[in-house]
Amino acid sequence: MTGARLSGSLLLALLTASCMGEVTTGEILSGDGVPIRYAVRGTGGPALVFVHGWSCDRTYWDAQVRHFAPRHRVVAIDLPGHGESGTGREEWTVEAFGGDVAAVVQHLGLEEVVLIGHSVGGFVVLEAARRIPDEVVGVVGVESWFDPDQKVSAEQVRMILEPLRANFAEMTETFVRAMMFAPGADSALVDRVARDMSGAPPEIALAMSENAYLWWNEQAEAALRAVEAPMGAINAARSPTNVDALRRHAPSLEVRTMDGVGHFVMLEDPEAFNRLLEELLPR
């Protein structure tokens, strides 16, 4: 009996692996000539396109790629300046990153896509959706969209970035450890994220951050209104979310919250996150 159960488990694992297929990687050039690396796995529609946040990379979505690949074509992108993508860009703006994501979707010939973005990646997928509305059947922001009524002044941006300009690595690591995780978070995960983010190229990270604040102030409301496809948000329960303000611009937006997690919800509790994301996918 034990052998039969083991054989059955092995067969199920093999069948699942077969459905997911191998991970394939590719590269295209952005409109300004920067190499963009991406990974693709699985088949089935709609395709799910995952976009990481500030100073991270596509591996932050590994648990989601494994989970969804048996039923969907899954794409994870390294934005320029991150992971294995190139760094030779003049302006690190949300608009440019949105164009990068749209370019990957069009290069792969994806006809129906759900764009999923974490943190600043949530700004990026809104910008991408404005460029390829015919292909987008859903947009999900992950710890990204909180309150479109809340703007960040130039003085506030200066105060936020000044310590990072003075000592990027030390201040970024301190911020990650103090602010981005819930109490009791896995120490190895905290170490990984702190190491990754503090090791980012400072000039890229600082420019991206400054431009992201500017984009949120000036473009977020219009970008939310521009999306005609179903929209969803998954935020940590501890992150104040102004649902009424969001729905003024995106009336059909569905919001899900997760308890006991910090900013990296998809890493801290991937099973719960995947379940909520499945609820938000088009049927």
C-alpha atoms as a PDB file:
ATOM      1  CA  MET A   1       0.000   0.000   0.000  1.00  0.00           C
ATOM      2  CA  THR A   2       2.765   2.410   0.862  1.00  0.00           C
ATOM      3  CA  GLY A   3       4.471   1.629  -2.445  1.00  0.00           C
ATOM      4  CA  ALA A   4       1.238   2.211  -4.325  1.00  0.00           C
ATOM      5  CA  ARG A   5       0.770   5.563  -2.631  1.00  0.00           C
ATOM      6  CA  LEU A   6       4.332   6.551  -3.447  1.00  0.00           C
ATOM      7  CA  SER A   7       3.883   5.502  -7.064  1.00  0.00           C
ATOM      8  CA  GLY A   8       0.675   7.512  -7.288  1.00  0.00           C
ATOM      9  CA  SER A   9       2.361  10.570  -5.787  1.00  0.00           C
ATOM     10  CA  LEU A  10       5.259  10.246  -8.187  1.00  0.00           C
ATOM     11  CA  LEU A  11       2.895   9.964 -11.161  1.00  0.00           C
ATOM     12  CA  LEU A  12       0.997  13.065 -10.011  1.00  0.00           C
ATOM     13  CA  ALA A  13       4.247  14.984  -9.642  1.00  0.00           C
ATOM     14  CA  LEU A  14       5.376  13.951 -13.111  1.00  0.00           C
ATOM     15  CA  LEU A  15       2.052  14.900 -14.659  1.00  0.00           C
ATOM     16  CA  THR A  16       2.099  18.266 -12.913  1.00  0.00           C
ATOM     17  CA  ALA A  17       5.648  18.945 -14.078  1.00  0.00           C
ATOM     18  CA  SER A  18       4.641  17.996 -17.605  1.00  0.00           C
ATOM     19  CA  CYS A  19       1.742  20.446 -17.541  1.00  0.00           C
ATOM     20  CA  MET A  20       3.963  23.240 -16.255  1.00  0.00           C
ATOM     21  CA  GLY A  21       6.710  22.599 -18.784  1.00  0.00           C
ATOM     22  CA  GLU A  22      10.221  23.891 -18.498  1.00  0.00           C
ATOM     23  CA  VAL A  23      11.052  27.466 -17.640  1.00  0.00           C
ATOM     24  CA  THR A  24      12.304  29.260 -20.743  1.00  0.00           C
ATOM     25  CA  THR A  25      14.037  32.624 -20.672  1.00  0.00           C
ATOM     26  CA  GLY A  26      14.222  35.254 -23.337  1.00  0.00           C
ATOM     27  CA  GLU A  27      15.382  38.769 -23.976  1.00  0.00           C
ATOM     28  CA  ILE A  28      14.153  41.716 -26.001  1.00  0.00           C
ATOM     29  CA  LEU A  29      15.337  45.287 -26.317  1.00  0.00           C
ATOM     30  CA  SER A  30      13.281  48.118 -24.908  1.00  0.00           C
ATOM     31  CA  GLY A  31      12.401  51.116 -27.020  1.00  0.00           C
ATOM     32  CA  ASP A  32      15.578  52.839 -25.802  1.00  0.00           C
ATOM     33  CA  GLY A  33      17.759  49.798 -26.374  1.00  0.00           C
ATOM     34  CA  VAL A  34      17.937  48.271 -22.871  1.00  0.00           C
ATOM     35  CA  PRO A  35      17.924  44.436 -22.724  1.00  0.00           C
ATOM     36  CA  ILE A  36      14.852  43.108 -20.883  1.00  0.00           C
ATOM     37  CA  ARG A  37      15.061  39.555 -19.536  1.00  0.00           C
ATOM     38  CA  TYR A  38      11.950  37.501 -18.860  1.00  0.00           C
ATOM     39  CA  ALA A  39      11.007  33.927 -17.988  1.00  0.00           C
ATOM     40  CA  VAL A  40       8.007  31.956 -19.285  1.00  0.00           C
ATOM     41  CA  ARG A  41       6.449  28.754 -17.990  1.00  0.00           C
ATOM     42  CA  GLY A  42       3.227  26.833 -18.513  1.00  0.00           C
ATOM     43  CA  THR A  43       0.332  27.073 -20.933  1.00  0.00           C
ATOM     44  CA  GLY A  44      -3.270  28.195 -20.805  1.00  0.00           C
ATOM     45  CA  GLY A  45      -5.107  31.464 -20.666  1.00  0.00           C
ATOM     46  CA  PRO A  46      -5.306  34.099 -19.652  1.00  0.00           C
ATOM     47  CA  ALA A  47      -1.562  34.590 -19.407  1.00  0.00           C
ATOM     48  CA  LEU A  48      -0.344  35.992 -16.089  1.00  0.00           C
ATOM     49  CA  VAL A  49       2.414  38.611 -16.259  1.00  0.00           C
ATOM     50  CA  PHE A  50       4.192  39.303 -12.956  1.00  0.00           C
ATOM     51  CA  VAL A  51       6.124  42.533 -12.323  1.00  0.00           C
ATOM     52  CA  HIS A  52       8.331  42.956  -9.251  1.00  0.00           C
ATOM     53  CA  GLY A  53       8.795  46.066  -7.156  1.00  0.00           C
ATOM     54  CA  TRP A  54      11.563  48.504  -6.294  1.00  0.00           C
ATOM     55  CA  SER A  55      15.047  46.987  -6.163  1.00  0.00           C
ATOM     56  CA  CYS A  56      13.751  43.404  -6.487  1.00  0.00           C
ATOM     57  CA  ASP A  57      13.660  40.943  -9.414  1.00  0.00           C
ATOM     58  CA  ARG A  58      11.491  38.310 -11.084  1.00  0.00           C
ATOM     59  CA  THR A  59      12.473  35.545  -8.627  1.00  0.00           C
ATOM     60  CA  TYR A  60      10.236  37.174  -6.028  1.00  0.00           C
ATOM     61  CA  TRP A  61       7.349  35.561  -7.919  1.00  0.00           C
ATOM     62  CA  ASP A  62       8.782  32.010  -7.981  1.00  0.00           C
ATOM     63  CA  ALA A  63       6.043  30.596  -5.722  1.00  0.00           C
ATOM     64  CA  GLN A  64       3.375  32.088  -7.974  1.00  0.00           C
ATOM     65  CA  VAL A  65       5.030  30.793 -11.146  1.00  0.00           C
ATOM     66  CA  ARG A  66       5.048  27.250  -9.730  1.00  0.00           C
ATOM     67  CA  HIS A  67       1.460  27.497  -8.523  1.00  0.00           C
ATOM     68  CA  PHE A  68      -0.152  28.944 -11.637  1.00  0.00           C
ATOM     69  CA  ALA A  69       1.919  27.377 -14.431  1.00  0.00           C
ATOM     70  CA  PRO A  70      -0.147  24.139 -14.561  1.00  0.00           C
ATOM     71  CA  ARG A  71      -3.166  26.206 -15.702  1.00  0.00           C
ATOM     72  CA  HIS A  72      -1.783  29.428 -17.165  1.00  0.00           C
ATOM     73  CA  ARG A  73       1.059  30.714 -19.248  1.00  0.00           C
ATOM     74  CA  VAL A  74       3.082  32.626 -16.675  1.00  0.00           C
ATOM     75  CA  VAL A  75       5.588  35.365 -17.446  1.00  0.00           C
ATOM     76  CA  ALA A  76       7.924  36.994 -14.908  1.00  0.00           C
ATOM     77  CA  ILE A  77       9.909  40.034 -15.991  1.00  0.00           C
ATOM     78  CA  ASP A  78      13.126  41.648 -14.763  1.00  0.00           C
ATOM     79  CA  LEU A  79      12.528  45.349 -15.229  1.00  0.00           C
ATOM     80  CA  PRO A  80      15.519  47.240 -16.647  1.00  0.00           C
ATOM     81  CA  GLY A  81      17.995  48.040 -13.896  1.00  0.00           C
ATOM     82  CA  HIS A  82      16.997  44.878 -12.007  1.00  0.00           C
ATOM     83  CA  GLY A  83      17.903  41.202 -12.037  1.00  0.00           C
ATOM     84  CA  GLU A  84      19.373  40.112 -15.358  1.00  0.00           C
ATOM     85  CA  SER A  85      18.098  43.070 -17.390  1.00  0.00           C
ATOM     86  CA  GLY A  86      20.289  45.891 -18.638  1.00  0.00           C
ATOM     87  CA  THR A  87      21.100  49.148 -16.875  1.00  0.00           C
ATOM     88  CA  GLY A  88      21.843  51.589 -19.696  1.00  0.00           C
ATOM     89  CA  ARG A  89      18.881  53.932 -19.430  1.00  0.00           C
ATOM     90  CA  GLU A  90      18.771  57.703 -19.025  1.00  0.00           C
ATOM     91  CA  GLU A  91      15.450  58.101 -17.173  1.00  0.00           C
ATOM     92  CA  TRP A  92      14.048  55.508 -14.761  1.00  0.00           C
ATOM     93  CA  THR A  93      10.370  56.393 -14.976  1.00  0.00           C
ATOM     94  CA  VAL A  94       7.145  54.465 -14.440  1.00  0.00           C
ATOM     95  CA  GLU A  95       6.185  55.374 -17.995  1.00  0.00           C
ATOM     96  CA  ALA A  96       9.343  53.734 -19.368  1.00  0.00           C
ATOM     97  CA  PHE A  97       8.812  50.595 -17.275  1.00  0.00           C
ATOM     98  CA  GLY A  98       5.200  50.403 -18.430  1.00  0.00           C
ATOM     99  CA  GLY A  99       6.434  50.466 -22.006  1.00  0.00           C
ATOM    100  CA  ASP A 100       8.864  47.654 -21.185  1.00  0.00           C
ATOM    101  CA  VAL A 101       6.095  45.395 -19.870  1.00  0.00           C
ATOM    102  CA  ALA A 102       3.873  46.163 -22.849  1.00  0.00           C
ATOM    103  CA  ALA A 103       6.770  45.342 -25.176  1.00  0.00           C
ATOM    104  CA  VAL A 104       7.268  41.899 -23.607  1.00  0.00           C
ATOM    105  CA  VAL A 105       3.538  41.124 -23.873  1.00  0.00           C
ATOM    106  CA  GLN A 106       3.493  42.078 -27.535  1.00  0.00           C
ATOM    107  CA  HIS A 107       6.747  40.266 -28.282  1.00  0.00           C
ATOM    108  CA  LEU A 108       5.307  37.032 -26.849  1.00  0.00           C
ATOM    109  CA  GLY A 109       2.061  37.493 -28.783  1.00  0.00           C
ATOM    110  CA  LEU A 110      -0.089  37.247 -25.655  1.00  0.00           C
ATOM    111  CA  GLU A 111      -3.693  37.973 -26.588  1.00  0.00           C
ATOM    112  CA  GLU A 112      -5.273  37.895 -23.118  1.00  0.00           C
ATOM    113  CA  VAL A 113      -3.196  38.907 -20.111  1.00  0.00           C
ATOM    114  CA  VAL A 114      -3.633  39.681 -16.450  1.00  0.00           C
ATOM    115  CA  LEU A 115      -0.975  42.135 -15.278  1.00  0.00           C
ATOM    116  CA  ILE A 116       0.113  41.707 -11.655  1.00  0.00           C
ATOM    117  CA  GLY A 117       2.483  44.176 -10.017  1.00  0.00           C
ATOM    118  CA  HIS A 118       3.985  44.403  -6.540  1.00  0.00           C
ATOM    119  CA  SER A 119       4.658  47.765  -4.870  1.00  0.00           C
ATOM    120  CA  VAL A 120       5.977  50.166  -7.535  1.00  0.00           C
ATOM    121  CA  GLY A 121       5.339  47.307  -9.972  1.00  0.00           C
ATOM    122  CA  GLY A 122       1.661  48.028  -9.384  1.00  0.00           C
ATOM    123  CA  PHE A 123       2.192  51.512 -10.825  1.00  0.00           C
ATOM    124  CA  VAL A 124       4.051  49.935 -13.747  1.00  0.00           C
ATOM    125  CA  VAL A 125       1.237  47.517 -14.654  1.00  0.00           C
ATOM    126  CA  LEU A 126      -1.297  50.357 -14.640  1.00  0.00           C
ATOM    127  CA  GLU A 127       0.934  52.238 -17.059  1.00  0.00           C
ATOM    128  CA  ALA A 128       1.376  49.117 -19.201  1.00  0.00           C
ATOM    129  CA  ALA A 129      -2.392  48.567 -19.288  1.00  0.00           C
ATOM    130  CA  ARG A 130      -2.847  52.009 -20.828  1.00  0.00           C
ATOM    131  CA  ARG A 131      -0.580  50.970 -23.698  1.00  0.00           C
ATOM    132  CA  ILE A 132      -2.124  47.579 -24.507  1.00  0.00           C
ATOM    133  CA  PRO A 133      -5.813  47.813 -23.521  1.00  0.00           C
ATOM    134  CA  ASP A 134      -6.929  45.249 -26.107  1.00  0.00           C
ATOM    135  CA  GLU A 135      -4.765  42.513 -24.568  1.00  0.00           C
ATOM    136  CA  VAL A 136      -5.427  43.261 -20.888  1.00  0.00           C
ATOM    137  CA  VAL A 137      -8.267  41.292 -19.271  1.00  0.00           C
ATOM    138  CA  GLY A 138      -7.299  42.031 -15.678  1.00  0.00           C
ATOM    139  CA  VAL A 139      -4.949  44.132 -13.525  1.00  0.00           C
ATOM    140  CA  VAL A 140      -3.949  43.358  -9.936  1.00  0.00           C
ATOM    141  CA  GLY A 141      -1.946  45.603  -7.634  1.00  0.00           C
ATOM    142  CA  VAL A 142      -0.131  43.936  -4.741  1.00  0.00           C
ATOM    143  CA  GLU A 143       0.738  46.191  -1.797  1.00  0.00           C
ATOM    144  CA  SER A 144       0.671  49.026  -4.274  1.00  0.00           C
ATOM    145  CA  TRP A 145      -2.585  50.966  -4.430  1.00  0.00           C
ATOM    146  CA  PHE A 146      -3.556  52.419  -1.059  1.00  0.00           C
ATOM    147  CA  ASP A 147      -4.996  55.928  -1.324  1.00  0.00           C
ATOM    148  CA  PRO A 148      -5.085  58.006  -4.529  1.00  0.00           C
ATOM    149  CA  ASP A 149      -6.177  61.002  -2.434  1.00  0.00           C
ATOM    150  CA  GLN A 150      -2.858  60.961  -0.579  1.00  0.00           C
ATOM    151  CA  LYS A 151      -0.147  62.908  -2.371  1.00  0.00           C
ATOM    152  CA  VAL A 152       3.522  63.209  -1.445  1.00  0.00           C
ATOM    153  CA  SER A 153       4.948  66.719  -1.495  1.00  0.00           C
ATOM    154  CA  ALA A 154       8.318  67.598  -2.931  1.00  0.00           C
ATOM    155  CA  GLU A 155       9.569  68.320   0.586  1.00  0.00           C
ATOM    156  CA  GLN A 156       8.402  64.913   1.810  1.00  0.00           C
ATOM    157  CA  VAL A 157      10.165  63.217  -1.098  1.00  0.00           C
ATOM    158  CA  ARG A 158      13.343  65.134  -0.259  1.00  0.00           C
ATOM    159  CA  MET A 159      13.159  64.035   3.381  1.00  0.00           C
ATOM    160  CA  ILE A 160      12.580  60.405   2.371  1.00  0.00           C
ATOM    161  CA  LEU A 161      15.421  60.264  -0.144  1.00  0.00           C
ATOM    162  CA  GLU A 162      18.030  62.399   1.617  1.00  0.00           C
ATOM    163  CA  PRO A 163      19.177  59.654   4.035  1.00  0.00           C
ATOM    164  CA  LEU A 164      19.292  57.170   1.153  1.00  0.00           C
ATOM    165  CA  ARG A 165      21.461  59.515  -0.880  1.00  0.00           C
ATOM    166  CA  ALA A 166      23.848  59.848   2.065  1.00  0.00           C
ATOM    167  CA  ASN A 167      24.272  56.098   2.685  1.00  0.00           C
ATOM    168  CA  PHE A 168      22.084  54.006   0.419  1.00  0.00           C
ATOM    169  CA  ALA A 169      23.067  50.494   1.492  1.00  0.00           C
ATOM    170  CA  GLU A 170      22.911  51.070   5.252  1.00  0.00           C
ATOM    171  CA  MET A 171      19.711  53.112   5.254  1.00  0.00           C
ATOM    172  CA  THR A 172      17.906  50.764   2.860  1.00  0.00           C
ATOM    173  CA  GLU A 173      18.761  47.734   4.977  1.00  0.00           C
ATOM    174  CA  THR A 174      17.611  49.522   8.126  1.00  0.00           C
ATOM    175  CA  PHE A 175      14.338  50.521   6.466  1.00  0.00           C
ATOM    176  CA  VAL A 176      13.633  47.016   5.165  1.00  0.00           C
ATOM    177  CA  ARG A 177      14.221  45.392   8.543  1.00  0.00           C
ATOM    178  CA  ALA A 178      12.280  48.001  10.514  1.00  0.00           C
ATOM    179  CA  MET A 179       9.316  48.703   8.244  1.00  0.00           C
ATOM    180  CA  MET A 180       8.661  46.052   5.602  1.00  0.00           C
ATOM    181  CA  PHE A 181       7.867  42.949   7.626  1.00  0.00           C
ATOM    182  CA  ALA A 182       5.383  41.979  10.295  1.00  0.00           C
ATOM    183  CA  PRO A 183       6.682  40.892  13.715  1.00  0.00           C
ATOM    184  CA  GLY A 184       7.799  37.260  13.682  1.00  0.00           C
ATOM    185  CA  ALA A 185       8.599  37.209   9.962  1.00  0.00           C
ATOM    186  CA  ASP A 186      10.976  34.504   8.792  1.00  0.00           C
ATOM    187  CA  SER A 187      14.496  35.789   9.477  1.00  0.00           C
ATOM    188  CA  ALA A 188      15.982  34.181   6.364  1.00  0.00           C
ATOM    189  CA  LEU A 189      13.398  35.941   4.201  1.00  0.00           C
ATOM    190  CA  VAL A 190      14.057  39.275   5.905  1.00  0.00           C
ATOM    191  CA  ASP A 191      17.796  38.786   5.375  1.00  0.00           C
ATOM    192  CA  ARG A 192      17.274  37.994   1.696  1.00  0.00           C
ATOM    193  CA  VAL A 193      15.139  41.040   0.974  1.00  0.00           C
ATOM    194  CA  ALA A 194      17.375  43.356   3.002  1.00  0.00           C
ATOM    195  CA  ARG A 195      20.425  42.067   1.125  1.00  0.00           C
ATOM    196  CA  ASP A 196      18.788  42.373  -2.293  1.00  0.00           C
ATOM    197  CA  MET A 197      17.364  45.839  -1.845  1.00  0.00           C
ATOM    198  CA  SER A 198      20.383  47.360  -0.125  1.00  0.00           C
ATOM    199  CA  GLY A 199      22.591  45.943  -2.885  1.00  0.00           C
ATOM    200  CA  ALA A 200      20.676  47.641  -5.707  1.00  0.00           C
ATOM    201  CA  PRO A 201      22.491  50.248  -7.834  1.00  0.00           C
ATOM    202  CA  PRO A 202      21.853  53.441  -5.819  1.00  0.00           C
ATOM    203  CA  GLU A 203      21.568  55.757  -8.817  1.00  0.00           C
ATOM    204  CA  ILE A 204      18.866  53.577 -10.381  1.00  0.00           C
ATOM    205  CA  ALA A 205      16.991  52.946  -7.135  1.00  0.00           C
ATOM    206  CA  LEU A 206      16.938  56.613  -6.157  1.00  0.00           C
ATOM    207  CA  ALA A 207      15.817  57.799  -9.595  1.00  0.00           C
ATOM    208  CA  MET A 208      13.130  55.128  -9.748  1.00  0.00           C
ATOM    209  CA  SER A 209      11.836  56.059  -6.303  1.00  0.00           C
ATOM    210  CA  GLU A 210      11.719  59.784  -7.031  1.00  0.00           C
ATOM    211  CA  ASN A 211       9.918  59.240 -10.328  1.00  0.00           C
ATOM    212  CA  ALA A 212       7.458  56.816  -8.719  1.00  0.00           C
ATOM    213  CA  TYR A 213       6.344  59.450  -6.201  1.00  0.00           C
ATOM    214  CA  LEU A 214       5.910  61.945  -9.022  1.00  0.00           C
ATOM    215  CA  TRP A 215       3.914  59.440 -11.090  1.00  0.00           C
ATOM    216  CA  TRP A 216       1.595  58.614  -8.188  1.00  0.00           C
ATOM    217  CA  ASN A 217       0.908  62.298  -7.587  1.00  0.00           C
ATOM    218  CA  GLU A 218       0.235  63.138 -11.217  1.00  0.00           C
ATOM    219  CA  GLN A 219      -0.839  59.984 -13.036  1.00  0.00           C
ATOM    220  CA  ALA A 220      -2.336  57.430 -10.631  1.00  0.00           C
ATOM    221  CA  GLU A 221      -5.933  58.642 -10.767  1.00  0.00           C
ATOM    222  CA  ALA A 222      -6.015  58.819 -14.558  1.00  0.00           C
ATOM    223  CA  ALA A 223      -4.308  55.425 -14.846  1.00  0.00           C
ATOM    224  CA  LEU A 224      -6.845  53.804 -12.532  1.00  0.00           C
ATOM    225  CA  ARG A 225      -9.699  55.309 -14.549  1.00  0.00           C
ATOM    226  CA  ALA A 226      -8.177  54.221 -17.845  1.00  0.00           C
ATOM    227  CA  VAL A 227      -8.340  50.490 -17.111  1.00  0.00           C
ATOM    228  CA  GLU A 228     -11.551  48.963 -18.431  1.00  0.00           C
ATOM    229  CA  ALA A 229     -10.678  45.389 -17.445  1.00  0.00           C
ATOM    230  CA  PRO A 230     -11.544  43.953 -14.009  1.00  0.00           C
ATOM    231  CA  MET A 231      -9.188  45.130 -11.284  1.00  0.00           C
ATOM    232  CA  GLY A 232      -8.116  43.772  -7.926  1.00  0.00           C
ATOM    233  CA  ALA A 233      -5.841  44.735  -5.062  1.00  0.00           C
ATOM    234  CA  ILE A 234      -4.182  42.497  -2.482  1.00  0.00           C
ATOM    235  CA  ASN A 235      -2.790  44.408   0.493  1.00  0.00           C
ATOM    236  CA  ALA A 236      -1.566  43.562   3.967  1.00  0.00           C
ATOM    237  CA  ALA A 237      -4.257  44.224   6.545  1.00  0.00           C
ATOM    238  CA  ARG A 238      -1.854  46.498   8.385  1.00  0.00           C
ATOM    239  CA  SER A 239      -1.553  48.777   5.317  1.00  0.00           C
ATOM    240  CA  PRO A 240      -4.317  51.429   5.450  1.00  0.00           C
ATOM    241  CA  THR A 241      -6.299  51.188   2.205  1.00  0.00           C
ATOM    242  CA  ASN A 242      -8.795  53.882   1.212  1.00  0.00           C
ATOM    243  CA  VAL A 243     -11.212  51.638  -0.655  1.00  0.00           C
ATOM    244  CA  ASP A 244     -13.740  54.424  -1.253  1.00  0.00           C
ATOM    245  CA  ALA A 245     -11.115  56.652  -2.867  1.00  0.00           C
ATOM    246  CA  LEU A 246      -9.855  53.821  -5.055  1.00  0.00           C
ATOM    247  CA  ARG A 247     -13.364  52.949  -6.196  1.00  0.00           C
ATOM    248  CA  ARG A 248     -14.089  56.552  -7.208  1.00  0.00           C
ATOM    249  CA  HIS A 249     -11.611  55.952 -10.006  1.00  0.00           C
ATOM    250  CA  ALA A 250     -12.018  52.177 -10.434  1.00  0.00           C
ATOM    251  CA  PRO A 251     -15.622  51.363  -9.426  1.00  0.00           C
ATOM    252  CA  SER A 252     -15.306  47.609  -9.968  1.00  0.00           C
ATOM    253  CA  LEU A 253     -12.080  47.244  -7.974  1.00  0.00           C
ATOM    254  CA  GLU A 254     -12.093  44.287  -5.586  1.00  0.00           C
ATOM    255  CA  VAL A 255      -9.847  44.525  -2.535  1.00  0.00           C
ATOM    256  CA  ARG A 256      -8.469  41.583  -0.563  1.00  0.00           C
ATOM    257  CA  THR A 257      -6.408  41.862   2.618  1.00  0.00           C
ATOM    258  CA  MET A 258      -3.997  39.469   4.311  1.00  0.00           C
ATOM    259  CA  ASP A 259      -3.373  39.213   8.049  1.00  0.00           C
ATOM    260  CA  GLY A 260      -0.026  38.648   9.730  1.00  0.00           C
ATOM    261  CA  VAL A 261       2.143  39.800   6.832  1.00  0.00           C
ATOM    262  CA  GLY A 262       4.097  42.882   5.845  1.00  0.00           C
ATOM    263  CA  HIS A 263       4.917  44.363   2.470  1.00  0.00           C
ATOM    264  CA  PHE A 264       6.055  41.153   0.747  1.00  0.00           C
ATOM    265  CA  VAL A 265       2.746  39.343   0.999  1.00  0.00           C
ATOM    266  CA  MET A 266       3.459  36.885  -1.825  1.00  0.00           C
ATOM    267  CA  LEU A 267       6.664  35.738  -0.121  1.00  0.00           C
ATOM    268  CA  GLU A 268       5.506  35.747   3.491  1.00  0.00           C
ATOM    269  CA  ASP A 269       2.360  33.647   2.950  1.00  0.00           C
ATOM    270  CA  PRO A 270       2.382  32.364  -0.641  1.00  0.00           C
ATOM    271  CA  GLU A 271      -0.467  29.875  -0.141  1.00  0.00           C
ATOM    272  CA  ALA A 272      -2.876  32.519   1.140  1.00  0.00           C
ATOM    273  CA  PHE A 273      -1.717  34.990  -1.492  1.00  0.00           C
ATOM    274  CA  ASN A 274      -2.185  32.513  -4.337  1.00  0.00           C
ATOM    275  CA  ARG A 275      -5.678  31.691  -3.124  1.00  0.00           C
ATOM    276  CA  LEU A 276      -6.659  35.371  -3.111  1.00  0.00           C
ATOM    277  CA  LEU A 277      -5.124  35.960  -6.510  1.00  0.00           C
ATOM    278  CA  GLU A 278      -7.096  33.041  -7.926  1.00  0.00           C
ATOM    279  CA  GLU A 279     -10.272  34.723  -6.654  1.00  0.00           C
ATOM    280  CA  LEU A 280      -9.407  37.879  -8.605  1.00  0.00           C
ATOM    281  CA  LEU A 281      -8.595  36.224 -11.911  1.00  0.00           C
ATOM    282  CA  PRO A 282     -11.176  36.471 -14.724  1.00  0.00           C
ATOM    283  CA  ARG A 283     -13.455  33.436 -14.949  1.00  0.00           C
END
